[in-house]
Amino acid sequence: MRAIGYTRLSRANCNGVSLSAQRTAITEACEQRGWELVDVVEDEDQSGATMKRPGVRRVVARLDADEADVLVVAKLDRISRSLKDFVNLADAAEASGWSLTALDAGFDTTTPQGRAVRSMLMVFAQLERELIGQRTKEALAEMAAHGVQLGRPREVDDGTIKRIRKLRGRGKKQRSYSEIARILNAEHVPTPRGGHWHPSSVRRVLGWDT
């Protein structure tokens, strides 16, 4: 098993986990498991709030290129402070055929137990996304109930809106957005910003009127 280690040190470095200490933990863990440590990539002065870090990108590219079989980090929060980002990384690892190991959390997808933990994390990440979506929907509904205008202001006159509604129709006689756009273009109906009508712009106008 070939391993690539990853270490990160934030600007604040509040927890005192030095790059050298992380490297030592990774090296010792690989020796205990009998893994070949091909490299240790580091990100210094980098926040864990985002995955857009040069070291992370290099590591993932090398793993995807089959230069190693497993990514090893000393602490889970060195790779990410976001559950969603971590689960996305684990999901990408599975899709590309490499594994992910976080020593402090006992998270190791080279084992059946680790893969089971990954599956559970995916469930919780999905739950988190759905709860956020639900809270957002409820907040928007509350704002609309109090007369707050949501989205971009209308840029289409009422006459055009009525024309599009009439073209749309109801039930089985509903025209598609594409067909409506073709009719409007044939009739030279002006768009909000000039140019041609597209299915997406027709859909937006109908959305304003709901």
N, C-alpha and C. Protein backbone atom coordinates (compact mmCIF):
# COMPACT_ATOMS: atom_id res chain seq x y z
N MET A 1 0.85 -1.20 0.00
CA MET A 1 0.00 0.00 0.00
C MET A 1 0.88 1.24 0.00
N ARG A 2 0.69 2.09 -1.01
CA ARG A 2 1.46 3.33 -1.11
C ARG A 2 0.64 4.47 -0.52
N ALA A 3 1.28 5.28 0.30
CA ALA A 3 0.57 6.35 1.00
C ALA A 3 1.18 7.71 0.68
N ILE A 4 0.32 8.72 0.63
CA ILE A 4 0.74 10.11 0.59
C ILE A 4 0.20 10.78 1.84
N GLY A 5 1.08 11.45 2.59
CA GLY A 5 0.65 12.17 3.77
C GLY A 5 0.30 13.61 3.43
N TYR A 6 -0.57 14.18 4.23
CA TYR A 6 -0.92 15.59 4.05
C TYR A 6 -0.91 16.27 5.41
N THR A 7 -0.27 17.44 5.48
CA THR A 7 -0.22 18.22 6.71
C THR A 7 -0.65 19.65 6.41
N ARG A 8 -1.23 20.27 7.41
CA ARG A 8 -1.67 21.66 7.24
C ARG A 8 -1.43 22.43 8.52
N LEU A 9 -0.99 23.66 8.36
CA LEU A 9 -0.81 24.57 9.49
C LEU A 9 -1.54 25.86 9.17
N SER A 10 -2.49 26.24 10.01
CA SER A 10 -3.25 27.46 9.78
C SER A 10 -2.45 28.67 10.26
N ARG A 11 -2.93 29.84 9.88
CA ARG A 11 -2.26 31.07 10.31
C ARG A 11 -2.34 31.22 11.83
N ALA A 12 -3.51 30.88 12.39
CA ALA A 12 -3.69 31.04 13.83
C ALA A 12 -2.93 29.96 14.60
N ASN A 13 -2.93 28.73 14.08
CA ASN A 13 -2.26 27.61 14.73
C ASN A 13 -2.66 27.50 16.21
N CYS A 14 -3.98 27.58 16.45
CA CYS A 14 -4.47 27.64 17.83
C CYS A 14 -4.25 26.34 18.59
N ASN A 15 -4.25 25.21 17.89
CA ASN A 15 -4.15 23.95 18.61
C ASN A 15 -2.72 23.45 18.74
N GLY A 16 -1.77 24.19 18.21
CA GLY A 16 -0.38 23.84 18.42
C GLY A 16 0.08 22.58 17.72
N VAL A 17 -0.60 22.14 16.68
CA VAL A 17 -0.21 20.94 15.94
C VAL A 17 0.76 21.36 14.85
N SER A 18 2.04 21.18 15.08
CA SER A 18 3.05 21.63 14.13
C SER A 18 3.09 20.71 12.91
N LEU A 19 3.68 21.21 11.84
CA LEU A 19 3.84 20.39 10.64
C LEU A 19 4.72 19.19 10.92
N SER A 20 5.77 19.40 11.69
CA SER A 20 6.69 18.29 11.99
C SER A 20 6.00 17.22 12.83
N ALA A 21 5.16 17.63 13.78
CA ALA A 21 4.45 16.65 14.61
C ALA A 21 3.47 15.85 13.75
N GLN A 22 2.81 16.50 12.82
CA GLN A 22 1.90 15.79 11.92
C GLN A 22 2.67 14.81 11.05
N ARG A 23 3.80 15.26 10.54
CA ARG A 23 4.62 14.40 9.68
C ARG A 23 5.10 13.16 10.45
N THR A 24 5.51 13.37 11.71
CA THR A 24 5.97 12.25 12.52
C THR A 24 4.86 11.23 12.74
N ALA A 25 3.67 11.73 13.06
CA ALA A 25 2.53 10.83 13.29
C ALA A 25 2.20 10.04 12.03
N ILE A 26 2.25 10.69 10.90
CA ILE A 26 1.96 10.01 9.63
C ILE A 26 3.01 8.96 9.32
N THR A 27 4.29 9.33 9.50
CA THR A 27 5.39 8.41 9.23
C THR A 27 5.30 7.16 10.11
N GLU A 28 5.06 7.37 11.39
CA GLU A 28 4.98 6.24 12.32
C GLU A 28 3.79 5.34 12.00
N ALA A 29 2.68 5.93 11.65
CA ALA A 29 1.50 5.14 11.32
C ALA A 29 1.72 4.29 10.07
N CYS A 30 2.39 4.87 9.09
CA CYS A 30 2.66 4.11 7.86
C CYS A 30 3.63 2.96 8.15
N GLU A 31 4.62 3.20 9.00
CA GLU A 31 5.56 2.14 9.36
C GLU A 31 4.86 1.01 10.08
N GLN A 32 3.95 1.35 11.00
CA GLN A 32 3.22 0.33 11.74
C GLN A 32 2.32 -0.51 10.83
N ARG A 33 1.76 0.12 9.82
CA ARG A 33 0.87 -0.59 8.90
C ARG A 33 1.60 -1.28 7.76
N GLY A 34 2.87 -0.99 7.61
CA GLY A 34 3.63 -1.56 6.52
C GLY A 34 3.37 -0.89 5.19
N TRP A 35 2.94 0.40 5.25
CA TRP A 35 2.67 1.14 4.03
C TRP A 35 3.92 1.90 3.59
N GLU A 36 4.09 2.03 2.29
CA GLU A 36 5.19 2.83 1.74
C GLU A 36 4.75 4.30 1.67
N LEU A 37 5.43 5.16 2.41
CA LEU A 37 5.12 6.58 2.40
C LEU A 37 5.90 7.24 1.27
N VAL A 38 5.21 7.55 0.19
CA VAL A 38 5.91 8.07 -0.99
C VAL A 38 6.18 9.57 -0.88
N ASP A 39 5.37 10.28 -0.09
CA ASP A 39 5.58 11.73 0.03
C ASP A 39 4.68 12.28 1.13
N VAL A 40 5.05 13.45 1.64
CA VAL A 40 4.18 14.20 2.56
C VAL A 40 4.07 15.61 1.99
N VAL A 41 2.85 16.00 1.67
CA VAL A 41 2.59 17.32 1.08
C VAL A 41 2.02 18.22 2.17
N GLU A 42 2.47 19.46 2.20
CA GLU A 42 2.01 20.35 3.26
C GLU A 42 1.40 21.63 2.71
N ASP A 43 0.48 22.16 3.49
CA ASP A 43 -0.10 23.48 3.24
C ASP A 43 0.20 24.31 4.48
N GLU A 44 0.98 25.35 4.32
CA GLU A 44 1.30 26.22 5.46
C GLU A 44 0.56 27.54 5.31
N ASP A 45 0.11 28.08 6.46
CA ASP A 45 -0.68 29.31 6.47
C ASP A 45 -1.94 29.17 5.63
N GLN A 46 -2.62 28.04 5.79
CA GLN A 46 -3.83 27.78 5.02
C GLN A 46 -4.98 27.43 5.96
N SER A 47 -6.14 28.02 5.72
CA SER A 47 -7.31 27.75 6.55
C SER A 47 -7.97 26.44 6.15
N GLY A 48 -8.57 25.77 7.14
CA GLY A 48 -9.30 24.54 6.87
C GLY A 48 -10.73 24.78 6.48
N ALA A 49 -11.11 26.04 6.31
CA ALA A 49 -12.50 26.36 5.98
C ALA A 49 -12.81 26.10 4.51
N THR A 50 -11.79 25.92 3.69
CA THR A 50 -12.00 25.68 2.27
C THR A 50 -11.10 24.55 1.79
N MET A 51 -11.53 23.85 0.75
CA MET A 51 -10.71 22.80 0.15
C MET A 51 -9.87 23.35 -0.99
N LYS A 52 -9.99 24.64 -1.27
CA LYS A 52 -9.24 25.23 -2.37
C LYS A 52 -7.85 25.63 -1.90
N ARG A 53 -7.07 24.60 -1.56
CA ARG A 53 -5.69 24.79 -1.10
C ARG A 53 -4.74 24.09 -2.06
N PRO A 54 -3.60 24.69 -2.34
CA PRO A 54 -2.69 24.10 -3.34
C PRO A 54 -2.23 22.70 -2.97
N GLY A 55 -1.93 22.48 -1.69
CA GLY A 55 -1.47 21.16 -1.28
C GLY A 55 -2.53 20.09 -1.46
N VAL A 56 -3.75 20.40 -1.07
CA VAL A 56 -4.85 19.44 -1.23
C VAL A 56 -5.04 19.09 -2.70
N ARG A 57 -5.01 20.10 -3.54
CA ARG A 57 -5.21 19.86 -4.97
C ARG A 57 -4.10 18.96 -5.54
N ARG A 58 -2.86 19.20 -5.13
CA ARG A 58 -1.75 18.37 -5.61
C ARG A 58 -1.91 16.93 -5.14
N VAL A 59 -2.28 16.76 -3.87
CA VAL A 59 -2.44 15.42 -3.31
C VAL A 59 -3.53 14.65 -4.05
N VAL A 60 -4.69 15.26 -4.23
CA VAL A 60 -5.79 14.59 -4.90
C VAL A 60 -5.43 14.25 -6.34
N ALA A 61 -4.76 15.16 -7.03
CA ALA A 61 -4.35 14.91 -8.41
C ALA A 61 -3.40 13.71 -8.49
N ARG A 62 -2.49 13.61 -7.55
CA ARG A 62 -1.54 12.50 -7.56
C ARG A 62 -2.22 11.18 -7.22
N LEU A 63 -3.17 11.21 -6.29
CA LEU A 63 -3.91 10.00 -5.97
C LEU A 63 -4.78 9.57 -7.15
N ASP A 64 -5.41 10.53 -7.81
CA ASP A 64 -6.21 10.21 -8.99
C ASP A 64 -5.35 9.66 -10.12
N ALA A 65 -4.07 10.07 -10.15
CA ALA A 65 -3.14 9.59 -11.16
C ALA A 65 -2.49 8.27 -10.77
N ASP A 66 -2.95 7.66 -9.67
CA ASP A 66 -2.47 6.36 -9.19
C ASP A 66 -1.01 6.39 -8.74
N GLU A 67 -0.57 7.55 -8.21
CA GLU A 67 0.78 7.60 -7.64
C GLU A 67 0.80 7.05 -6.22
N ALA A 68 -0.38 6.89 -5.62
CA ALA A 68 -0.49 6.31 -4.29
C ALA A 68 -1.88 5.72 -4.13
N ASP A 69 -2.06 4.95 -3.03
CA ASP A 69 -3.33 4.26 -2.81
C ASP A 69 -4.15 4.85 -1.67
N VAL A 70 -3.51 5.60 -0.79
CA VAL A 70 -4.21 6.11 0.38
C VAL A 70 -3.66 7.46 0.79
N LEU A 71 -4.55 8.35 1.20
CA LEU A 71 -4.19 9.65 1.75
C LEU A 71 -4.25 9.56 3.27
N VAL A 72 -3.18 9.95 3.94
CA VAL A 72 -3.10 9.85 5.40
C VAL A 72 -2.94 11.25 6.00
N VAL A 73 -3.79 11.57 6.97
CA VAL A 73 -3.67 12.82 7.73
C VAL A 73 -3.60 12.48 9.21
N ALA A 74 -2.85 13.29 9.96
CA ALA A 74 -2.71 13.03 11.39
C ALA A 74 -4.00 13.36 12.13
N LYS A 75 -4.68 14.42 11.71
CA LYS A 75 -5.91 14.84 12.35
C LYS A 75 -6.96 15.15 11.28
N LEU A 76 -8.19 14.79 11.57
CA LEU A 76 -9.27 14.98 10.61
C LEU A 76 -9.41 16.43 10.19
N ASP A 77 -9.26 17.36 11.14
CA ASP A 77 -9.47 18.77 10.81
C ASP A 77 -8.32 19.37 10.00
N ARG A 78 -7.24 18.59 9.82
CA ARG A 78 -6.17 19.08 8.95
C ARG A 78 -6.60 19.07 7.48
N ILE A 79 -7.46 18.10 7.14
CA ILE A 79 -7.92 18.03 5.75
C ILE A 79 -9.12 18.92 5.53
N SER A 80 -10.01 19.02 6.53
CA SER A 80 -11.18 19.88 6.38
C SER A 80 -11.86 20.08 7.73
N ARG A 81 -12.43 21.27 7.92
CA ARG A 81 -13.26 21.54 9.09
C ARG A 81 -14.75 21.41 8.76
N SER A 82 -15.05 21.06 7.53
CA SER A 82 -16.43 20.94 7.07
C SER A 82 -16.78 19.48 6.85
N LEU A 83 -17.84 19.02 7.49
CA LEU A 83 -18.30 17.64 7.28
C LEU A 83 -18.64 17.40 5.83
N LYS A 84 -19.32 18.37 5.20
CA LYS A 84 -19.70 18.22 3.80
C LYS A 84 -18.48 18.06 2.91
N ASP A 85 -17.46 18.90 3.12
CA ASP A 85 -16.24 18.81 2.30
C ASP A 85 -15.54 17.48 2.51
N PHE A 86 -15.50 17.02 3.76
CA PHE A 86 -14.82 15.77 4.06
C PHE A 86 -15.55 14.60 3.40
N VAL A 87 -16.87 14.59 3.50
CA VAL A 87 -17.64 13.52 2.89
C VAL A 87 -17.49 13.55 1.37
N ASN A 88 -17.49 14.74 0.78
CA ASN A 88 -17.28 14.86 -0.67
C ASN A 88 -15.92 14.30 -1.07
N LEU A 89 -14.90 14.57 -0.25
CA LEU A 89 -13.57 14.05 -0.54
C LEU A 89 -13.56 12.52 -0.44
N ALA A 90 -14.20 11.98 0.61
CA ALA A 90 -14.26 10.53 0.77
C ALA A 90 -15.02 9.89 -0.39
N ASP A 91 -16.06 10.57 -0.84
CA ASP A 91 -16.84 10.07 -1.97
C ASP A 91 -16.00 10.08 -3.25
N ALA A 92 -15.24 11.16 -3.45
CA ALA A 92 -14.36 11.24 -4.62
C ALA A 92 -13.27 10.17 -4.56
N ALA A 93 -12.78 9.91 -3.35
CA ALA A 93 -11.77 8.87 -3.17
C ALA A 93 -12.30 7.51 -3.59
N GLU A 94 -13.50 7.19 -3.15
CA GLU A 94 -14.08 5.90 -3.51
C GLU A 94 -14.27 5.79 -5.02
N ALA A 95 -14.76 6.88 -5.63
CA ALA A 95 -15.00 6.86 -7.07
C ALA A 95 -13.70 6.66 -7.86
N SER A 96 -12.59 7.20 -7.34
CA SER A 96 -11.30 7.11 -8.04
C SER A 96 -10.47 5.90 -7.61
N GLY A 97 -10.93 5.20 -6.57
CA GLY A 97 -10.25 3.98 -6.18
C GLY A 97 -9.13 4.13 -5.18
N TRP A 98 -9.08 5.26 -4.44
CA TRP A 98 -8.09 5.39 -3.39
C TRP A 98 -8.79 5.57 -2.05
N SER A 99 -8.02 5.45 -0.98
CA SER A 99 -8.59 5.45 0.37
C SER A 99 -8.16 6.68 1.15
N LEU A 100 -8.81 6.87 2.29
CA LEU A 100 -8.58 8.04 3.12
C LEU A 100 -8.48 7.60 4.58
N THR A 101 -7.44 8.07 5.26
CA THR A 101 -7.22 7.70 6.66
C THR A 101 -6.93 8.93 7.50
N ALA A 102 -7.72 9.12 8.56
CA ALA A 102 -7.49 10.19 9.54
C ALA A 102 -7.13 9.52 10.86
N LEU A 103 -5.89 9.68 11.30
CA LEU A 103 -5.38 8.91 12.42
C LEU A 103 -6.08 9.22 13.74
N ASP A 104 -6.37 10.49 14.00
CA ASP A 104 -6.95 10.84 15.30
C ASP A 104 -8.39 10.36 15.45
N ALA A 105 -9.11 10.25 14.31
CA ALA A 105 -10.52 9.88 14.35
C ALA A 105 -10.74 8.38 14.15
N GLY A 106 -9.67 7.66 13.89
CA GLY A 106 -9.83 6.24 13.60
C GLY A 106 -10.59 5.99 12.32
N PHE A 107 -10.55 6.97 11.43
CA PHE A 107 -11.27 6.87 10.15
C PHE A 107 -10.32 6.30 9.11
N ASP A 108 -10.64 5.13 8.60
CA ASP A 108 -9.73 4.44 7.68
C ASP A 108 -10.55 3.66 6.66
N THR A 109 -10.69 4.19 5.46
CA THR A 109 -11.51 3.52 4.46
C THR A 109 -10.80 2.37 3.76
N THR A 110 -9.59 2.03 4.26
CA THR A 110 -8.97 0.79 3.78
C THR A 110 -9.55 -0.42 4.50
N THR A 111 -10.38 -0.17 5.53
CA THR A 111 -10.99 -1.25 6.30
C THR A 111 -12.51 -1.24 6.13
N PRO A 112 -13.18 -2.37 6.33
CA PRO A 112 -14.65 -2.40 6.25
C PRO A 112 -15.29 -1.47 7.27
N GLN A 113 -14.70 -1.39 8.47
CA GLN A 113 -15.25 -0.51 9.51
C GLN A 113 -15.19 0.95 9.06
N GLY A 114 -14.07 1.33 8.47
CA GLY A 114 -13.92 2.71 8.01
C GLY A 114 -14.90 3.04 6.90
N ARG A 115 -15.14 2.10 6.01
CA ARG A 115 -16.09 2.33 4.93
C ARG A 115 -17.52 2.46 5.48
N ALA A 116 -17.80 1.72 6.54
CA ALA A 116 -19.12 1.84 7.17
C ALA A 116 -19.28 3.22 7.81
N VAL A 117 -18.22 3.71 8.46
CA VAL A 117 -18.26 5.05 9.06
C VAL A 117 -18.47 6.09 7.98
N ARG A 118 -17.80 5.91 6.85
CA ARG A 118 -17.97 6.85 5.74
C ARG A 118 -19.43 6.89 5.30
N SER A 119 -20.07 5.74 5.21
CA SER A 119 -21.47 5.70 4.81
C SER A 119 -22.35 6.45 5.80
N MET A 120 -22.07 6.30 7.08
CA MET A 120 -22.84 7.01 8.10
C MET A 120 -22.63 8.52 8.00
N LEU A 121 -21.39 8.92 7.75
CA LEU A 121 -21.12 10.34 7.60
C LEU A 121 -21.88 10.93 6.41
N MET A 122 -21.99 10.15 5.34
CA MET A 122 -22.73 10.62 4.17
C MET A 122 -24.20 10.85 4.52
N VAL A 123 -24.76 9.96 5.36
CA VAL A 123 -26.15 10.12 5.79
C VAL A 123 -26.32 11.41 6.58
N PHE A 124 -25.40 11.67 7.51
CA PHE A 124 -25.50 12.88 8.32
C PHE A 124 -25.27 14.13 7.49
N ALA A 125 -24.37 14.06 6.51
CA ALA A 125 -24.13 15.21 5.64
C ALA A 125 -25.37 15.52 4.81
N GLN A 126 -26.05 14.46 4.32
CA GLN A 126 -27.28 14.67 3.57
C GLN A 126 -28.36 15.28 4.45
N LEU A 127 -28.45 14.79 5.69
CA LEU A 127 -29.41 15.35 6.64
C LEU A 127 -29.14 16.83 6.88
N GLU A 128 -27.86 17.18 7.03
CA GLU A 128 -27.49 18.57 7.25
C GLU A 128 -27.92 19.43 6.06
N ARG A 129 -27.70 18.94 4.85
CA ARG A 129 -28.09 19.70 3.65
C ARG A 129 -29.60 19.90 3.60
N GLU A 130 -30.35 18.84 3.93
CA GLU A 130 -31.81 18.94 3.87
C GLU A 130 -32.34 19.90 4.93
N LEU A 131 -31.73 19.87 6.12
CA LEU A 131 -32.18 20.78 7.17
C LEU A 131 -31.89 22.23 6.80
N ILE A 132 -30.73 22.47 6.21
CA ILE A 132 -30.40 23.83 5.76
C ILE A 132 -31.39 24.28 4.69
N GLY A 133 -31.69 23.38 3.74
CA GLY A 133 -32.65 23.72 2.69
C GLY A 133 -34.03 24.02 3.25
N GLN A 134 -34.43 23.24 4.26
CA GLN A 134 -35.73 23.46 4.88
C GLN A 134 -35.78 24.80 5.60
N ARG A 135 -34.71 25.12 6.34
CA ARG A 135 -34.69 26.40 7.05
C ARG A 135 -34.69 27.56 6.07
N THR A 136 -33.97 27.40 4.97
CA THR A 136 -33.95 28.46 3.95
C THR A 136 -35.33 28.67 3.34
N LYS A 137 -35.99 27.57 3.02
CA LYS A 137 -37.34 27.66 2.43
C LYS A 137 -38.31 28.34 3.39
N GLU A 138 -38.23 27.97 4.68
CA GLU A 138 -39.12 28.58 5.68
C GLU A 138 -38.84 30.07 5.84
N ALA A 139 -37.55 30.44 5.81
CA ALA A 139 -37.19 31.85 5.95
C ALA A 139 -37.69 32.66 4.76
N LEU A 140 -37.56 32.12 3.54
CA LEU A 140 -38.04 32.82 2.35
C LEU A 140 -39.56 32.97 2.38
N ALA A 141 -40.25 31.93 2.83
CA ALA A 141 -41.71 32.00 2.93
C ALA A 141 -42.13 33.07 3.93
N GLU A 142 -41.41 33.16 5.04
CA GLU A 142 -41.71 34.17 6.05
C GLU A 142 -41.50 35.58 5.50
N MET A 143 -40.41 35.75 4.74
CA MET A 143 -40.15 37.07 4.15
C MET A 143 -41.23 37.43 3.13
N ALA A 144 -41.62 36.46 2.32
CA ALA A 144 -42.66 36.72 1.32
C ALA A 144 -43.98 37.07 1.99
N ALA A 145 -44.28 36.41 3.11
CA ALA A 145 -45.53 36.68 3.83
C ALA A 145 -45.57 38.10 4.38
N HIS A 146 -44.40 38.68 4.62
CA HIS A 146 -44.32 40.04 5.14
C HIS A 146 -44.09 41.07 4.04
N GLY A 147 -44.28 40.62 2.80
CA GLY A 147 -44.22 41.55 1.68
C GLY A 147 -42.82 41.87 1.18
N VAL A 148 -41.83 41.10 1.58
CA VAL A 148 -40.46 41.33 1.10
C VAL A 148 -40.34 40.77 -0.31
N GLN A 149 -39.90 41.58 -1.26
CA GLN A 149 -39.74 41.13 -2.63
C GLN A 149 -38.46 40.32 -2.74
N LEU A 150 -38.59 39.10 -3.24
CA LEU A 150 -37.45 38.19 -3.34
C LEU A 150 -36.96 38.13 -4.78
N GLY A 151 -35.68 37.89 -4.92
CA GLY A 151 -35.11 37.76 -6.24
C GLY A 151 -34.89 39.09 -6.91
N ARG A 152 -34.53 39.03 -8.19
CA ARG A 152 -34.29 40.25 -8.95
C ARG A 152 -35.62 40.93 -9.31
N PRO A 153 -35.64 42.24 -9.39
CA PRO A 153 -36.88 42.94 -9.76
C PRO A 153 -37.30 42.59 -11.18
N ARG A 154 -38.60 42.69 -11.45
CA ARG A 154 -39.10 42.42 -12.78
C ARG A 154 -38.52 43.41 -13.78
N GLU A 155 -38.19 42.89 -14.98
CA GLU A 155 -37.68 43.73 -16.04
C GLU A 155 -38.54 43.57 -17.30
N VAL A 156 -39.71 42.93 -17.13
CA VAL A 156 -40.62 42.68 -18.25
C VAL A 156 -41.93 43.40 -17.97
N ASP A 157 -42.47 44.07 -18.96
CA ASP A 157 -43.73 44.80 -18.74
C ASP A 157 -44.89 43.84 -18.58
N ASP A 158 -45.96 44.34 -17.98
CA ASP A 158 -47.13 43.50 -17.68
C ASP A 158 -47.74 42.90 -18.94
N GLY A 159 -47.72 43.64 -20.04
CA GLY A 159 -48.28 43.13 -21.28
C GLY A 159 -47.57 41.88 -21.76
N THR A 160 -46.24 41.91 -21.68
CA THR A 160 -45.45 40.75 -22.10
C THR A 160 -45.70 39.57 -21.17
N ILE A 161 -45.79 39.85 -19.88
CA ILE A 161 -46.06 38.78 -18.92
C ILE A 161 -47.40 38.10 -19.23
N LYS A 162 -48.44 38.92 -19.50
CA LYS A 162 -49.76 38.36 -19.83
C LYS A 162 -49.68 37.54 -21.11
N ARG A 163 -48.92 38.01 -22.09
CA ARG A 163 -48.77 37.28 -23.35
C ARG A 163 -48.12 35.92 -23.11
N ILE A 164 -47.08 35.90 -22.29
CA ILE A 164 -46.38 34.65 -22.01
C ILE A 164 -47.29 33.69 -21.24
N ARG A 165 -48.06 34.23 -20.29
CA ARG A 165 -49.00 33.38 -19.54
C ARG A 165 -50.04 32.76 -20.49
N LYS A 166 -50.53 33.55 -21.43
CA LYS A 166 -51.51 33.05 -22.38
C LYS A 166 -50.90 31.97 -23.27
N LEU A 167 -49.67 32.20 -23.71
CA LEU A 167 -48.99 31.21 -24.55
C LEU A 167 -48.73 29.91 -23.78
N ARG A 168 -48.45 30.05 -22.51
CA ARG A 168 -48.16 28.87 -21.69
C ARG A 168 -49.36 27.94 -21.63
N GLY A 169 -50.55 28.48 -21.42
CA GLY A 169 -51.75 27.66 -21.36
C GLY A 169 -51.84 26.88 -20.06
N ARG A 170 -52.73 25.91 -20.07
CA ARG A 170 -52.96 25.11 -18.86
C ARG A 170 -53.11 23.63 -19.21
N GLY A 171 -52.86 22.80 -18.21
CA GLY A 171 -53.08 21.36 -18.34
C GLY A 171 -52.34 20.74 -19.51
N LYS A 172 -53.05 19.88 -20.27
CA LYS A 172 -52.42 19.17 -21.38
C LYS A 172 -52.09 20.09 -22.55
N LYS A 173 -52.69 21.28 -22.55
CA LYS A 173 -52.47 22.22 -23.65
C LYS A 173 -51.30 23.16 -23.38
N GLN A 174 -50.57 22.91 -22.31
CA GLN A 174 -49.44 23.78 -21.99
C GLN A 174 -48.36 23.68 -23.06
N ARG A 175 -47.88 24.84 -23.48
CA ARG A 175 -46.73 24.85 -24.39
C ARG A 175 -45.45 24.75 -23.58
N SER A 176 -44.42 24.22 -24.21
CA SER A 176 -43.11 24.14 -23.55
C SER A 176 -42.46 25.52 -23.55
N TYR A 177 -41.46 25.71 -22.67
CA TYR A 177 -40.72 26.97 -22.63
C TYR A 177 -40.02 27.23 -23.96
N SER A 178 -39.53 26.16 -24.59
CA SER A 178 -38.84 26.32 -25.87
C SER A 178 -39.77 26.82 -26.95
N GLU A 179 -41.00 26.27 -26.97
CA GLU A 179 -41.97 26.70 -27.98
C GLU A 179 -42.38 28.14 -27.76
N ILE A 180 -42.58 28.52 -26.49
CA ILE A 180 -42.94 29.91 -26.19
C ILE A 180 -41.83 30.85 -26.63
N ALA A 181 -40.59 30.48 -26.37
CA ALA A 181 -39.46 31.32 -26.77
C ALA A 181 -39.43 31.50 -28.29
N ARG A 182 -39.70 30.43 -29.04
CA ARG A 182 -39.71 30.53 -30.50
C ARG A 182 -40.80 31.50 -30.97
N ILE A 183 -41.98 31.41 -30.36
CA ILE A 183 -43.08 32.30 -30.75
C ILE A 183 -42.73 33.75 -30.46
N LEU A 184 -42.20 34.01 -29.27
CA LEU A 184 -41.85 35.39 -28.89
C LEU A 184 -40.79 35.95 -29.82
N ASN A 185 -39.81 35.14 -30.19
CA ASN A 185 -38.77 35.61 -31.12
C ASN A 185 -39.36 35.89 -32.50
N ALA A 186 -40.31 35.02 -32.92
CA ALA A 186 -40.95 35.22 -34.23
C ALA A 186 -41.78 36.50 -34.25
N GLU A 187 -42.35 36.83 -33.08
CA GLU A 187 -43.17 38.05 -32.99
C GLU A 187 -42.34 39.28 -32.66
N HIS A 188 -41.02 39.10 -32.52
CA HIS A 188 -40.10 40.19 -32.21
C HIS A 188 -40.47 40.89 -30.90
N VAL A 189 -40.92 40.10 -29.93
CA VAL A 189 -41.20 40.65 -28.60
C VAL A 189 -39.88 40.96 -27.92
N PRO A 190 -39.66 42.17 -27.43
CA PRO A 190 -38.37 42.51 -26.83
C PRO A 190 -38.13 41.75 -25.53
N THR A 191 -36.90 41.36 -25.33
CA THR A 191 -36.50 40.71 -24.08
C THR A 191 -36.09 41.79 -23.08
N PRO A 192 -35.93 41.42 -21.79
CA PRO A 192 -35.55 42.43 -20.79
C PRO A 192 -34.25 43.15 -21.10
N ARG A 193 -33.32 42.42 -21.74
CA ARG A 193 -32.00 43.02 -21.98
C ARG A 193 -31.59 42.95 -23.44
N GLY A 194 -32.55 42.81 -24.31
CA GLY A 194 -32.23 42.70 -25.72
C GLY A 194 -31.87 41.26 -26.08
N GLY A 195 -31.65 41.02 -27.35
CA GLY A 195 -31.30 39.67 -27.77
C GLY A 195 -32.53 38.80 -27.97
N HIS A 196 -32.33 37.50 -27.84
CA HIS A 196 -33.39 36.55 -28.12
C HIS A 196 -33.95 35.94 -26.83
N TRP A 197 -35.19 35.46 -26.94
CA TRP A 197 -35.79 34.72 -25.84
C TRP A 197 -35.22 33.30 -25.82
N HIS A 198 -35.03 32.79 -24.63
CA HIS A 198 -34.58 31.41 -24.42
C HIS A 198 -35.54 30.73 -23.44
N PRO A 199 -35.57 29.41 -23.43
CA PRO A 199 -36.45 28.71 -22.47
C PRO A 199 -36.24 29.15 -21.04
N SER A 200 -34.99 29.41 -20.68
CA SER A 200 -34.70 29.81 -19.30
C SER A 200 -35.28 31.19 -18.98
N SER A 201 -35.23 32.12 -19.95
CA SER A 201 -35.77 33.45 -19.69
C SER A 201 -37.30 33.43 -19.62
N VAL A 202 -37.94 32.55 -20.40
CA VAL A 202 -39.39 32.38 -20.30
C VAL A 202 -39.76 31.83 -18.93
N ARG A 203 -39.00 30.85 -18.48
CA ARG A 203 -39.27 30.24 -17.17
C ARG A 203 -39.12 31.26 -16.06
N ARG A 204 -38.12 32.15 -16.15
CA ARG A 204 -37.93 33.17 -15.14
C ARG A 204 -39.13 34.12 -15.06
N VAL A 205 -39.63 34.51 -16.24
CA VAL A 205 -40.76 35.43 -16.25
C VAL A 205 -41.98 34.77 -15.62
N LEU A 206 -42.24 33.53 -15.94
CA LEU A 206 -43.37 32.82 -15.34
C LEU A 206 -43.17 32.65 -13.84
N GLY A 207 -41.91 32.53 -13.43
CA GLY A 207 -41.61 32.42 -12.01
C GLY A 207 -41.91 33.70 -11.28
N TRP A 208 -41.65 34.85 -11.92
CA TRP A 208 -41.96 36.15 -11.31
C TRP A 208 -43.45 36.30 -11.07
N ASP A 209 -44.23 35.67 -11.94
CA ASP A 209 -45.67 35.88 -11.89
C ASP A 209 -46.40 34.86 -11.02
N THR A 210 -45.68 33.97 -10.36
CA THR A 210 -46.34 32.98 -9.52
C THR A 210 -46.50 33.51 -8.12
